[in-house]
Amino acid sequence: RLFANTLYVGIVSTALSLVITVLSAFAFARLEFKGKNALFAFLLATMMIPGELFTITNYITVVNWFEWGDSFTALIVPFLVSVFYVYLLRQNFLQIPNELYLAAKVDGTSDLKYLWKVMIPLALPTLISITILKMMGSWNSYMWPRLVANDDLHKLITNGLRGDAFTDANTGEVDYPRQMAAVAIVSAPLFLVFIFLRKYIMKGVSRSGIKG
């Protein structure tokens, strides 16, 4: 169940986050609207605020106001938007010549069709990098799931590594060899992902920082 919960949260949050990131990056890279630069500068400024400062306010909002405690919604919704991923993809989109966009508009191509047919294929390495990094972040998440999902139905794999699972009920001693074996099993998927897909991560990040 712990593996299934973690996979579900990771896949759903990654898919929804990709949709939001692609649309946001396209809007900031190609569309013209009032206050675009100021809004993007404000979003970038939020990256300088440590995420830990939002933990208490997010907890109050999610648990007390929306009453999403002990649910997958609380694990997925608060972290769908990543300013870093939007910035990363926007920089990649800006490398695509604007003449392609203007030519597509002359031919009557809609913005969504141009995004799907032209920009997404050209930015695929960066999208793969974002997908991998987002999935790894969901897999490694510990503090937030610990706060909002403590029941067995919604607990994630990182939280399952701590608690009563490795503690003897009679003596109270922790079975550290079994716990370390579980840590190795949980870490193995991330290790394999990095070994086999690291070139996509490096390629996607490097493409986003090169003009031309």
N, C-alpha and C. Protein backbone atom coordinates (compact mmCIF):
# COMPACT_ATOMS: atom_id res chain seq x y z
N ARG A 1 0.82 -1.21 0.00
CA ARG A 1 0.00 0.00 0.00
C ARG A 1 0.86 1.26 0.00
N LEU A 2 1.96 1.24 0.75
CA LEU A 2 2.83 2.42 0.79
C LEU A 2 3.41 2.74 -0.58
N PHE A 3 3.87 1.70 -1.29
CA PHE A 3 4.38 1.91 -2.63
C PHE A 3 3.28 2.41 -3.57
N ALA A 4 2.09 1.82 -3.46
CA ALA A 4 0.98 2.21 -4.33
C ALA A 4 0.57 3.66 -4.07
N ASN A 5 0.49 4.05 -2.80
CA ASN A 5 0.15 5.43 -2.47
C ASN A 5 1.16 6.41 -3.02
N THR A 6 2.44 6.08 -2.87
CA THR A 6 3.50 6.97 -3.34
C THR A 6 3.49 7.09 -4.86
N LEU A 7 3.30 5.97 -5.56
CA LEU A 7 3.22 6.01 -7.02
C LEU A 7 2.02 6.83 -7.48
N TYR A 8 0.89 6.66 -6.83
CA TYR A 8 -0.31 7.40 -7.21
C TYR A 8 -0.09 8.90 -7.04
N VAL A 9 0.39 9.30 -5.89
CA VAL A 9 0.63 10.72 -5.63
C VAL A 9 1.67 11.27 -6.60
N GLY A 10 2.74 10.50 -6.84
CA GLY A 10 3.79 10.96 -7.74
C GLY A 10 3.32 11.12 -9.17
N ILE A 11 2.59 10.14 -9.68
CA ILE A 11 2.14 10.19 -11.08
C ILE A 11 1.11 11.29 -11.29
N VAL A 12 0.12 11.37 -10.41
CA VAL A 12 -0.93 12.38 -10.57
C VAL A 12 -0.36 13.79 -10.41
N SER A 13 0.44 14.01 -9.39
CA SER A 13 1.01 15.34 -9.16
C SER A 13 1.95 15.74 -10.28
N THR A 14 2.72 14.78 -10.81
CA THR A 14 3.63 15.08 -11.91
C THR A 14 2.87 15.44 -13.18
N ALA A 15 1.82 14.68 -13.49
CA ALA A 15 1.03 14.94 -14.70
C ALA A 15 0.36 16.31 -14.63
N LEU A 16 -0.29 16.61 -13.51
CA LEU A 16 -0.96 17.90 -13.37
C LEU A 16 0.04 19.05 -13.35
N SER A 17 1.17 18.83 -12.69
CA SER A 17 2.20 19.86 -12.63
C SER A 17 2.78 20.16 -14.01
N LEU A 18 2.93 19.13 -14.85
CA LEU A 18 3.42 19.34 -16.21
C LEU A 18 2.46 20.21 -17.02
N VAL A 19 1.17 19.94 -16.90
CA VAL A 19 0.18 20.74 -17.63
C VAL A 19 0.26 22.21 -17.21
N ILE A 20 0.30 22.46 -15.91
CA ILE A 20 0.37 23.83 -15.41
C ILE A 20 1.67 24.50 -15.81
N THR A 21 2.77 23.77 -15.73
CA THR A 21 4.08 24.33 -16.07
C THR A 21 4.16 24.68 -17.55
N VAL A 22 3.70 23.79 -18.42
CA VAL A 22 3.76 24.04 -19.87
C VAL A 22 2.93 25.26 -20.24
N LEU A 23 1.69 25.33 -19.76
CA LEU A 23 0.82 26.46 -20.10
C LEU A 23 1.36 27.78 -19.54
N SER A 24 1.88 27.75 -18.31
CA SER A 24 2.42 28.96 -17.71
C SER A 24 3.67 29.44 -18.44
N ALA A 25 4.57 28.50 -18.75
CA ALA A 25 5.80 28.87 -19.44
C ALA A 25 5.49 29.42 -20.83
N PHE A 26 4.53 28.83 -21.52
CA PHE A 26 4.15 29.33 -22.84
C PHE A 26 3.58 30.74 -22.75
N ALA A 27 2.76 30.99 -21.74
CA ALA A 27 2.17 32.33 -21.57
C ALA A 27 3.24 33.37 -21.32
N PHE A 28 4.21 33.06 -20.47
CA PHE A 28 5.26 34.02 -20.15
C PHE A 28 6.28 34.16 -21.28
N ALA A 29 6.41 33.16 -22.13
CA ALA A 29 7.40 33.20 -23.20
C ALA A 29 6.87 33.81 -24.49
N ARG A 30 5.58 33.58 -24.82
CA ARG A 30 5.08 33.98 -26.13
C ARG A 30 3.91 34.95 -26.10
N LEU A 31 3.03 34.83 -25.13
CA LEU A 31 1.85 35.69 -25.13
C LEU A 31 2.18 37.06 -24.56
N GLU A 32 1.42 38.05 -25.00
CA GLU A 32 1.59 39.41 -24.52
C GLU A 32 0.35 39.82 -23.75
N PHE A 33 0.52 40.18 -22.49
CA PHE A 33 -0.60 40.65 -21.68
C PHE A 33 -0.06 41.65 -20.66
N LYS A 34 -0.94 42.48 -20.19
CA LYS A 34 -0.55 43.56 -19.29
C LYS A 34 -0.02 43.01 -17.97
N GLY A 35 1.13 43.53 -17.57
CA GLY A 35 1.73 43.13 -16.30
C GLY A 35 2.49 41.82 -16.34
N LYS A 36 2.81 41.31 -17.54
CA LYS A 36 3.46 40.01 -17.65
C LYS A 36 4.82 40.01 -16.95
N ASN A 37 5.65 41.00 -17.25
CA ASN A 37 6.99 41.03 -16.68
C ASN A 37 6.96 41.23 -15.17
N ALA A 38 6.04 42.08 -14.70
CA ALA A 38 5.94 42.30 -13.25
C ALA A 38 5.47 41.04 -12.54
N LEU A 39 4.51 40.34 -13.14
CA LEU A 39 4.02 39.11 -12.53
C LEU A 39 5.10 38.05 -12.49
N PHE A 40 5.87 37.93 -13.58
CA PHE A 40 6.93 36.93 -13.60
C PHE A 40 8.03 37.28 -12.60
N ALA A 41 8.36 38.56 -12.48
CA ALA A 41 9.36 38.98 -11.49
C ALA A 41 8.88 38.68 -10.08
N PHE A 42 7.58 38.86 -9.82
CA PHE A 42 7.03 38.54 -8.49
C PHE A 42 7.14 37.05 -8.21
N LEU A 43 6.84 36.22 -9.23
CA LEU A 43 6.95 34.77 -9.04
C LEU A 43 8.39 34.36 -8.76
N LEU A 44 9.33 34.97 -9.48
CA LEU A 44 10.73 34.65 -9.24
C LEU A 44 11.15 35.07 -7.83
N ALA A 45 10.60 36.18 -7.34
CA ALA A 45 10.94 36.65 -6.00
C ALA A 45 10.51 35.65 -4.94
N THR A 46 9.44 34.92 -5.19
CA THR A 46 8.98 33.93 -4.20
C THR A 46 9.97 32.77 -4.05
N MET A 47 10.84 32.58 -5.04
CA MET A 47 11.83 31.51 -4.93
C MET A 47 12.85 31.79 -3.85
N MET A 48 12.99 33.06 -3.46
CA MET A 48 13.97 33.41 -2.42
C MET A 48 13.45 33.15 -1.02
N ILE A 49 12.17 32.79 -0.90
CA ILE A 49 11.58 32.51 0.42
C ILE A 49 11.69 31.01 0.69
N PRO A 50 12.32 30.61 1.78
CA PRO A 50 12.43 29.18 2.08
C PRO A 50 11.06 28.51 2.18
N GLY A 51 10.95 27.32 1.62
CA GLY A 51 9.68 26.62 1.64
C GLY A 51 9.19 26.29 3.03
N GLU A 52 10.11 26.17 3.98
CA GLU A 52 9.70 25.85 5.35
C GLU A 52 8.81 26.93 5.96
N LEU A 53 8.96 28.18 5.48
CA LEU A 53 8.15 29.26 6.02
C LEU A 53 6.68 29.13 5.64
N PHE A 54 6.39 28.39 4.57
CA PHE A 54 5.01 28.22 4.14
C PHE A 54 4.34 27.01 4.79
N THR A 55 5.10 26.21 5.51
CA THR A 55 4.56 24.95 6.01
C THR A 55 3.37 25.16 6.94
N ILE A 56 3.51 26.06 7.91
CA ILE A 56 2.44 26.26 8.88
C ILE A 56 1.20 26.86 8.21
N THR A 57 1.40 27.89 7.38
CA THR A 57 0.25 28.51 6.72
C THR A 57 -0.42 27.54 5.75
N ASN A 58 0.38 26.74 5.03
CA ASN A 58 -0.21 25.74 4.14
C ASN A 58 -1.00 24.70 4.94
N TYR A 59 -0.46 24.31 6.07
CA TYR A 59 -1.15 23.32 6.91
C TYR A 59 -2.49 23.86 7.39
N ILE A 60 -2.49 25.11 7.87
CA ILE A 60 -3.75 25.71 8.35
C ILE A 60 -4.76 25.81 7.21
N THR A 61 -4.29 26.22 6.02
CA THR A 61 -5.19 26.37 4.88
C THR A 61 -5.77 25.04 4.45
N VAL A 62 -4.89 24.03 4.33
CA VAL A 62 -5.32 22.74 3.80
C VAL A 62 -6.16 21.96 4.80
N VAL A 63 -5.74 21.93 6.05
CA VAL A 63 -6.40 21.09 7.04
C VAL A 63 -7.59 21.79 7.69
N ASN A 64 -7.40 23.04 8.12
CA ASN A 64 -8.46 23.74 8.85
C ASN A 64 -9.50 24.37 7.93
N TRP A 65 -9.05 25.00 6.86
CA TRP A 65 -10.00 25.70 5.98
C TRP A 65 -10.67 24.76 4.99
N PHE A 66 -9.86 24.02 4.23
CA PHE A 66 -10.41 23.13 3.21
C PHE A 66 -10.77 21.74 3.74
N GLU A 67 -10.28 21.42 4.93
CA GLU A 67 -10.56 20.13 5.56
C GLU A 67 -10.13 18.96 4.66
N TRP A 68 -8.93 19.05 4.15
CA TRP A 68 -8.38 18.01 3.28
C TRP A 68 -7.46 17.05 4.03
N GLY A 69 -7.44 17.12 5.34
CA GLY A 69 -6.54 16.26 6.10
C GLY A 69 -6.78 14.79 5.84
N ASP A 70 -5.70 14.01 5.85
CA ASP A 70 -5.76 12.56 5.60
C ASP A 70 -6.45 12.26 4.27
N SER A 71 -5.95 12.90 3.21
CA SER A 71 -6.49 12.66 1.87
C SER A 71 -5.37 12.85 0.85
N PHE A 72 -5.55 12.26 -0.33
CA PHE A 72 -4.57 12.44 -1.40
C PHE A 72 -4.58 13.87 -1.93
N THR A 73 -5.71 14.54 -1.81
CA THR A 73 -5.80 15.93 -2.28
C THR A 73 -4.80 16.81 -1.55
N ALA A 74 -4.67 16.61 -0.24
CA ALA A 74 -3.73 17.40 0.54
C ALA A 74 -2.29 17.12 0.15
N LEU A 75 -2.03 15.92 -0.36
CA LEU A 75 -0.67 15.56 -0.76
C LEU A 75 -0.33 16.05 -2.16
N ILE A 76 -1.33 16.32 -2.98
CA ILE A 76 -1.10 16.64 -4.39
C ILE A 76 -1.23 18.13 -4.68
N VAL A 77 -2.34 18.74 -4.28
CA VAL A 77 -2.69 20.09 -4.72
C VAL A 77 -1.68 21.17 -4.29
N PRO A 78 -1.22 21.21 -3.03
CA PRO A 78 -0.37 22.34 -2.61
C PRO A 78 0.94 22.48 -3.38
N PHE A 79 1.40 21.44 -4.08
CA PHE A 79 2.71 21.51 -4.73
C PHE A 79 2.61 21.29 -6.24
N LEU A 80 1.48 21.64 -6.82
CA LEU A 80 1.32 21.48 -8.26
C LEU A 80 2.11 22.53 -9.03
N VAL A 81 2.27 23.70 -8.46
CA VAL A 81 2.97 24.80 -9.16
C VAL A 81 4.39 24.92 -8.62
N SER A 82 5.35 24.89 -9.54
CA SER A 82 6.74 25.10 -9.19
C SER A 82 7.28 26.25 -10.04
N VAL A 83 7.63 27.34 -9.39
CA VAL A 83 8.15 28.50 -10.12
C VAL A 83 9.46 28.16 -10.82
N PHE A 84 10.26 27.32 -10.20
CA PHE A 84 11.53 26.93 -10.81
C PHE A 84 11.31 26.20 -12.12
N TYR A 85 10.34 25.27 -12.17
CA TYR A 85 10.07 24.53 -13.39
C TYR A 85 9.51 25.46 -14.47
N VAL A 86 8.65 26.41 -14.07
CA VAL A 86 8.12 27.38 -15.03
C VAL A 86 9.25 28.22 -15.62
N TYR A 87 10.15 28.66 -14.76
CA TYR A 87 11.29 29.45 -15.23
C TYR A 87 12.19 28.62 -16.15
N LEU A 88 12.44 27.38 -15.78
CA LEU A 88 13.29 26.51 -16.58
C LEU A 88 12.72 26.31 -17.98
N LEU A 89 11.43 26.03 -18.05
CA LEU A 89 10.80 25.78 -19.35
C LEU A 89 10.62 27.07 -20.14
N ARG A 90 10.35 28.15 -19.46
CA ARG A 90 10.23 29.45 -20.16
C ARG A 90 11.53 29.80 -20.85
N GLN A 91 12.66 29.59 -20.18
CA GLN A 91 13.95 29.89 -20.81
C GLN A 91 14.17 29.03 -22.05
N ASN A 92 13.69 27.79 -21.99
CA ASN A 92 13.81 26.92 -23.15
C ASN A 92 12.92 27.39 -24.29
N PHE A 93 11.70 27.77 -23.96
CA PHE A 93 10.77 28.28 -24.98
C PHE A 93 11.31 29.55 -25.65
N LEU A 94 12.00 30.40 -24.88
CA LEU A 94 12.52 31.64 -25.44
C LEU A 94 13.61 31.39 -26.49
N GLN A 95 14.23 30.23 -26.47
CA GLN A 95 15.26 29.91 -27.46
C GLN A 95 14.66 29.58 -28.82
N ILE A 96 13.38 29.23 -28.85
CA ILE A 96 12.72 28.92 -30.11
C ILE A 96 12.44 30.22 -30.85
N PRO A 97 12.89 30.36 -32.10
CA PRO A 97 12.73 31.63 -32.83
C PRO A 97 11.28 32.09 -32.87
N ASN A 98 11.08 33.37 -32.60
CA ASN A 98 9.74 33.94 -32.60
C ASN A 98 9.12 33.94 -33.99
N GLU A 99 9.98 33.87 -35.03
CA GLU A 99 9.47 33.84 -36.41
C GLU A 99 8.58 32.63 -36.66
N LEU A 100 8.89 31.52 -35.99
CA LEU A 100 8.05 30.34 -36.14
C LEU A 100 6.64 30.60 -35.62
N TYR A 101 6.57 31.30 -34.50
CA TYR A 101 5.26 31.60 -33.91
C TYR A 101 4.47 32.56 -34.80
N LEU A 102 5.16 33.58 -35.33
CA LEU A 102 4.47 34.55 -36.19
C LEU A 102 4.01 33.89 -37.49
N ALA A 103 4.84 33.01 -38.04
CA ALA A 103 4.44 32.30 -39.26
C ALA A 103 3.24 31.40 -39.00
N ALA A 104 3.22 30.75 -37.84
CA ALA A 104 2.09 29.88 -37.50
C ALA A 104 0.81 30.69 -37.34
N LYS A 105 0.91 31.88 -36.75
CA LYS A 105 -0.26 32.72 -36.58
C LYS A 105 -0.78 33.20 -37.94
N VAL A 106 0.12 33.49 -38.87
CA VAL A 106 -0.29 33.90 -40.21
C VAL A 106 -1.07 32.77 -40.90
N ASP A 107 -0.65 31.54 -40.67
CA ASP A 107 -1.32 30.38 -41.26
C ASP A 107 -2.61 30.03 -40.54
N GLY A 108 -2.94 30.76 -39.49
CA GLY A 108 -4.18 30.51 -38.77
C GLY A 108 -4.09 29.46 -37.69
N THR A 109 -2.86 29.11 -37.28
CA THR A 109 -2.68 28.11 -36.22
C THR A 109 -3.00 28.70 -34.86
N SER A 110 -3.75 27.98 -34.07
CA SER A 110 -4.08 28.45 -32.72
C SER A 110 -2.87 28.32 -31.81
N ASP A 111 -2.92 29.03 -30.70
CA ASP A 111 -1.79 28.99 -29.75
C ASP A 111 -1.58 27.59 -29.19
N LEU A 112 -2.67 26.92 -28.84
CA LEU A 112 -2.54 25.58 -28.27
C LEU A 112 -1.99 24.59 -29.29
N LYS A 113 -2.41 24.71 -30.55
CA LYS A 113 -1.89 23.82 -31.58
C LYS A 113 -0.41 24.07 -31.83
N TYR A 114 -0.01 25.34 -31.84
CA TYR A 114 1.41 25.67 -32.01
C TYR A 114 2.23 25.14 -30.84
N LEU A 115 1.67 25.28 -29.63
CA LEU A 115 2.36 24.76 -28.45
C LEU A 115 2.55 23.25 -28.55
N TRP A 116 1.50 22.54 -28.96
CA TRP A 116 1.53 21.08 -29.01
C TRP A 116 2.40 20.56 -30.16
N LYS A 117 2.35 21.22 -31.31
CA LYS A 117 3.03 20.71 -32.50
C LYS A 117 4.47 21.19 -32.62
N VAL A 118 4.78 22.35 -32.07
CA VAL A 118 6.11 22.94 -32.29
C VAL A 118 6.91 23.04 -30.99
N MET A 119 6.38 23.73 -30.01
CA MET A 119 7.19 24.07 -28.83
C MET A 119 7.45 22.87 -27.93
N ILE A 120 6.44 22.04 -27.71
CA ILE A 120 6.65 20.88 -26.85
C ILE A 120 7.66 19.90 -27.43
N PRO A 121 7.58 19.55 -28.74
CA PRO A 121 8.62 18.65 -29.30
C PRO A 121 10.02 19.23 -29.21
N LEU A 122 10.17 20.53 -29.42
CA LEU A 122 11.49 21.14 -29.36
C LEU A 122 12.02 21.23 -27.93
N ALA A 123 11.12 21.31 -26.96
CA ALA A 123 11.52 21.42 -25.56
C ALA A 123 11.42 20.09 -24.82
N LEU A 124 11.34 18.99 -25.55
CA LEU A 124 11.13 17.69 -24.93
C LEU A 124 12.21 17.31 -23.91
N PRO A 125 13.51 17.56 -24.16
CA PRO A 125 14.51 17.22 -23.13
C PRO A 125 14.27 17.91 -21.79
N THR A 126 13.87 19.19 -21.85
CA THR A 126 13.58 19.90 -20.61
C THR A 126 12.34 19.34 -19.93
N LEU A 127 11.33 18.98 -20.70
CA LEU A 127 10.12 18.39 -20.13
C LEU A 127 10.43 17.04 -19.47
N ILE A 128 11.31 16.26 -20.07
CA ILE A 128 11.71 14.99 -19.48
C ILE A 128 12.44 15.24 -18.16
N SER A 129 13.30 16.25 -18.14
CA SER A 129 14.02 16.60 -16.91
C SER A 129 13.05 17.00 -15.81
N ILE A 130 12.07 17.84 -16.14
CA ILE A 130 11.09 18.29 -15.16
C ILE A 130 10.28 17.10 -14.64
N THR A 131 9.91 16.19 -15.53
CA THR A 131 9.15 15.01 -15.12
C THR A 131 9.95 14.17 -14.13
N ILE A 132 11.22 13.94 -14.43
CA ILE A 132 12.06 13.12 -13.54
C ILE A 132 12.25 13.80 -12.19
N LEU A 133 12.57 15.10 -12.21
CA LEU A 133 12.81 15.82 -10.96
C LEU A 133 11.54 15.91 -10.10
N LYS A 134 10.40 16.12 -10.74
CA LYS A 134 9.14 16.19 -10.00
C LYS A 134 8.80 14.84 -9.38
N MET A 135 8.99 13.77 -10.13
CA MET A 135 8.70 12.44 -9.62
C MET A 135 9.63 12.09 -8.46
N MET A 136 10.90 12.45 -8.59
CA MET A 136 11.84 12.19 -7.50
C MET A 136 11.49 13.00 -6.26
N GLY A 137 11.05 14.24 -6.46
CA GLY A 137 10.65 15.06 -5.33
C GLY A 137 9.45 14.49 -4.60
N SER A 138 8.48 13.97 -5.36
CA SER A 138 7.31 13.35 -4.74
C SER A 138 7.69 12.08 -3.99
N TRP A 139 8.61 11.31 -4.56
CA TRP A 139 9.03 10.06 -3.93
C TRP A 139 9.77 10.33 -2.62
N ASN A 140 10.55 11.41 -2.58
CA ASN A 140 11.36 11.71 -1.40
C ASN A 140 10.64 12.54 -0.35
N SER A 141 9.44 13.02 -0.66
CA SER A 141 8.74 13.91 0.25
C SER A 141 8.50 13.23 1.60
N TYR A 142 8.79 13.96 2.66
CA TYR A 142 8.63 13.37 4.00
C TYR A 142 7.85 14.28 4.95
N MET A 143 8.27 15.52 5.09
CA MET A 143 7.71 16.38 6.13
C MET A 143 6.23 16.67 5.90
N TRP A 144 5.86 17.09 4.67
CA TRP A 144 4.47 17.43 4.41
C TRP A 144 3.53 16.22 4.55
N PRO A 145 3.86 15.06 3.96
CA PRO A 145 2.99 13.89 4.19
C PRO A 145 2.89 13.52 5.65
N ARG A 146 3.96 13.75 6.40
CA ARG A 146 3.94 13.45 7.84
C ARG A 146 2.92 14.33 8.56
N LEU A 147 2.73 15.55 8.07
CA LEU A 147 1.82 16.48 8.74
C LEU A 147 0.36 16.23 8.38
N VAL A 148 0.08 15.96 7.10
CA VAL A 148 -1.31 15.96 6.63
C VAL A 148 -1.88 14.56 6.38
N ALA A 149 -1.06 13.53 6.37
CA ALA A 149 -1.57 12.18 6.06
C ALA A 149 -0.91 11.15 6.96
N ASN A 150 -1.46 10.99 8.14
CA ASN A 150 -0.89 10.05 9.10
C ASN A 150 -1.65 8.72 9.17
N ASP A 151 -2.78 8.63 8.47
CA ASP A 151 -3.52 7.38 8.51
C ASP A 151 -2.92 6.37 7.53
N ASP A 152 -3.19 5.10 7.75
CA ASP A 152 -2.57 4.04 6.94
C ASP A 152 -3.05 4.06 5.49
N LEU A 153 -4.23 4.61 5.23
CA LEU A 153 -4.77 4.61 3.87
C LEU A 153 -4.05 5.59 2.95
N HIS A 154 -3.43 6.63 3.52
CA HIS A 154 -2.80 7.67 2.70
C HIS A 154 -1.32 7.87 3.01
N LYS A 155 -0.77 7.08 3.89
CA LYS A 155 0.64 7.24 4.26
C LYS A 155 1.55 6.89 3.09
N LEU A 156 2.63 7.65 2.93
CA LEU A 156 3.58 7.42 1.84
C LEU A 156 4.76 6.59 2.32
N ILE A 157 5.57 6.16 1.37
CA ILE A 157 6.64 5.21 1.66
C ILE A 157 7.69 5.79 2.60
N THR A 158 7.97 7.08 2.46
CA THR A 158 8.99 7.69 3.33
C THR A 158 8.54 7.70 4.78
N ASN A 159 7.23 7.89 5.01
CA ASN A 159 6.71 7.87 6.38
C ASN A 159 6.62 6.45 6.92
N GLY A 160 6.48 5.47 6.02
CA GLY A 160 6.42 4.09 6.45
C GLY A 160 7.75 3.55 6.96
N LEU A 161 8.84 4.26 6.64
CA LEU A 161 10.16 3.83 7.11
C LEU A 161 10.38 4.15 8.59
N ARG A 162 9.49 4.97 9.14
CA ARG A 162 9.57 5.30 10.56
C ARG A 162 8.28 4.87 11.24
N GLY A 163 8.33 4.69 12.53
CA GLY A 163 7.13 4.31 13.27
C GLY A 163 7.23 2.93 13.86
N ASP A 164 6.08 2.27 13.98
CA ASP A 164 6.01 1.00 14.69
C ASP A 164 6.38 -0.21 13.83
N ALA A 165 6.57 0.00 12.53
CA ALA A 165 6.82 -1.14 11.64
C ALA A 165 8.11 -1.87 12.00
N PHE A 166 9.09 -1.17 12.52
CA PHE A 166 10.39 -1.79 12.82
C PHE A 166 10.69 -1.79 14.31
N THR A 167 9.67 -1.59 15.13
CA THR A 167 9.85 -1.54 16.58
C THR A 167 9.18 -2.74 17.24
N ASP A 168 9.91 -3.41 18.10
CA ASP A 168 9.36 -4.55 18.83
C ASP A 168 8.34 -4.05 19.86
N ALA A 169 7.13 -4.57 19.78
CA ALA A 169 6.07 -4.09 20.67
C ALA A 169 6.33 -4.43 22.13
N ASN A 170 7.10 -5.48 22.39
CA ASN A 170 7.35 -5.91 23.77
C ASN A 170 8.52 -5.18 24.40
N THR A 171 9.61 -5.08 23.67
CA THR A 171 10.83 -4.49 24.23
C THR A 171 11.01 -3.02 23.85
N GLY A 172 10.35 -2.59 22.77
CA GLY A 172 10.53 -1.20 22.32
C GLY A 172 11.81 -0.99 21.53
N GLU A 173 12.55 -2.05 21.24
CA GLU A 173 13.79 -1.91 20.49
C GLU A 173 13.49 -1.82 18.99
N VAL A 174 14.30 -1.02 18.32
CA VAL A 174 14.14 -0.83 16.87
C VAL A 174 15.02 -1.83 16.13
N ASP A 175 14.44 -2.49 15.15
CA ASP A 175 15.18 -3.45 14.33
C ASP A 175 15.87 -2.68 13.20
N TYR A 176 17.07 -2.17 13.50
CA TYR A 176 17.77 -1.32 12.54
C TYR A 176 18.19 -2.05 11.26
N PRO A 177 18.61 -3.30 11.31
CA PRO A 177 18.94 -3.99 10.05
C PRO A 177 17.76 -4.06 9.08
N ARG A 178 16.58 -4.39 9.59
CA ARG A 178 15.40 -4.42 8.73
C ARG A 178 15.06 -3.02 8.21
N GLN A 179 15.21 -2.02 9.07
CA GLN A 179 14.91 -0.66 8.67
C GLN A 179 15.87 -0.18 7.58
N MET A 180 17.14 -0.51 7.72
CA MET A 180 18.11 -0.11 6.71
C MET A 180 17.88 -0.86 5.39
N ALA A 181 17.45 -2.12 5.49
CA ALA A 181 17.12 -2.87 4.28
C ALA A 181 15.93 -2.23 3.56
N ALA A 182 14.94 -1.76 4.33
CA ALA A 182 13.80 -1.08 3.73
C ALA A 182 14.22 0.23 3.07
N VAL A 183 15.13 0.95 3.71
CA VAL A 183 15.64 2.19 3.12
C VAL A 183 16.33 1.91 1.80
N ALA A 184 17.11 0.83 1.74
CA ALA A 184 17.80 0.47 0.50
C ALA A 184 16.80 0.14 -0.61
N ILE A 185 15.74 -0.58 -0.26
CA ILE A 185 14.72 -0.93 -1.26
C ILE A 185 14.01 0.31 -1.77
N VAL A 186 13.69 1.23 -0.88
CA VAL A 186 13.00 2.46 -1.27
C VAL A 186 13.91 3.35 -2.11
N SER A 187 15.20 3.36 -1.81
CA SER A 187 16.14 4.21 -2.53
C SER A 187 16.52 3.64 -3.89
N ALA A 188 16.34 2.34 -4.09
CA ALA A 188 16.77 1.69 -5.33
C ALA A 188 16.12 2.29 -6.58
N PRO A 189 14.79 2.54 -6.60
CA PRO A 189 14.20 3.12 -7.81
C PRO A 189 14.80 4.47 -8.20
N LEU A 190 15.05 5.34 -7.21
CA LEU A 190 15.65 6.64 -7.50
C LEU A 190 17.07 6.48 -8.01
N PHE A 191 17.80 5.53 -7.45
CA PHE A 191 19.16 5.29 -7.90
C PHE A 191 19.18 4.83 -9.36
N LEU A 192 18.27 3.94 -9.71
CA LEU A 192 18.20 3.45 -11.09
C LEU A 192 17.77 4.56 -12.04
N VAL A 193 16.82 5.40 -11.60
CA VAL A 193 16.38 6.51 -12.45
C VAL A 193 17.54 7.44 -12.74
N PHE A 194 18.33 7.76 -11.72
CA PHE A 194 19.45 8.67 -11.93
C PHE A 194 20.51 8.03 -12.83
N ILE A 195 20.78 6.76 -12.65
CA ILE A 195 21.81 6.09 -13.44
C ILE A 195 21.44 6.08 -14.93
N PHE A 196 20.22 5.71 -15.25
CA PHE A 196 19.82 5.51 -16.64
C PHE A 196 19.27 6.78 -17.31
N LEU A 197 18.82 7.75 -16.53
CA LEU A 197 18.21 8.93 -17.13
C LEU A 197 18.95 10.22 -16.81
N ARG A 198 20.14 10.13 -16.26
CA ARG A 198 20.86 11.34 -15.87
C ARG A 198 21.20 12.20 -17.08
N LYS A 199 21.42 11.58 -18.25
CA LYS A 199 21.76 12.37 -19.44
C LYS A 199 20.61 13.28 -19.85
N TYR A 200 19.36 12.82 -19.63
CA TYR A 200 18.22 13.67 -19.96
C TYR A 200 18.10 14.85 -19.00
N ILE A 201 18.42 14.60 -17.72
CA ILE A 201 18.39 15.69 -16.74
C ILE A 201 19.43 16.74 -17.10
N MET A 202 20.66 16.31 -17.40
CA MET A 202 21.73 17.24 -17.74
C MET A 202 21.42 17.98 -19.04
N LYS A 203 20.90 17.27 -20.02
CA LYS A 203 20.60 17.88 -21.31
C LYS A 203 19.49 18.90 -21.19
N GLY A 204 18.46 18.57 -20.44
CA GLY A 204 17.34 19.49 -20.29
C GLY A 204 17.73 20.76 -19.57
N VAL A 205 18.52 20.63 -18.50
CA VAL A 205 18.95 21.80 -17.74
C VAL A 205 19.90 22.66 -18.56
N SER A 206 20.84 22.03 -19.28
CA SER A 206 21.81 22.79 -20.07
C SER A 206 21.14 23.52 -21.22
N ARG A 207 20.14 22.92 -21.85
CA ARG A 207 19.43 23.57 -22.94
C ARG A 207 18.69 24.82 -22.48
N SER A 208 18.27 24.81 -21.24
CA SER A 208 17.50 25.96 -20.72
C SER A 208 18.37 27.14 -20.42
N GLY A 209 19.68 26.94 -20.34
CA GLY A 209 20.57 28.04 -20.00
C GLY A 209 21.42 28.53 -21.14
N ILE A 210 21.14 28.07 -22.35
CA ILE A 210 21.96 28.43 -23.50
C ILE A 210 21.11 29.21 -24.49
N LYS A 211 21.54 30.38 -24.86
CA LYS A 211 20.84 31.19 -25.85
C LYS A 211 21.39 30.87 -27.24
N GLY A 212 20.50 30.92 -28.26
CA GLY A 212 20.98 30.69 -29.62
C GLY A 212 20.00 29.87 -30.40
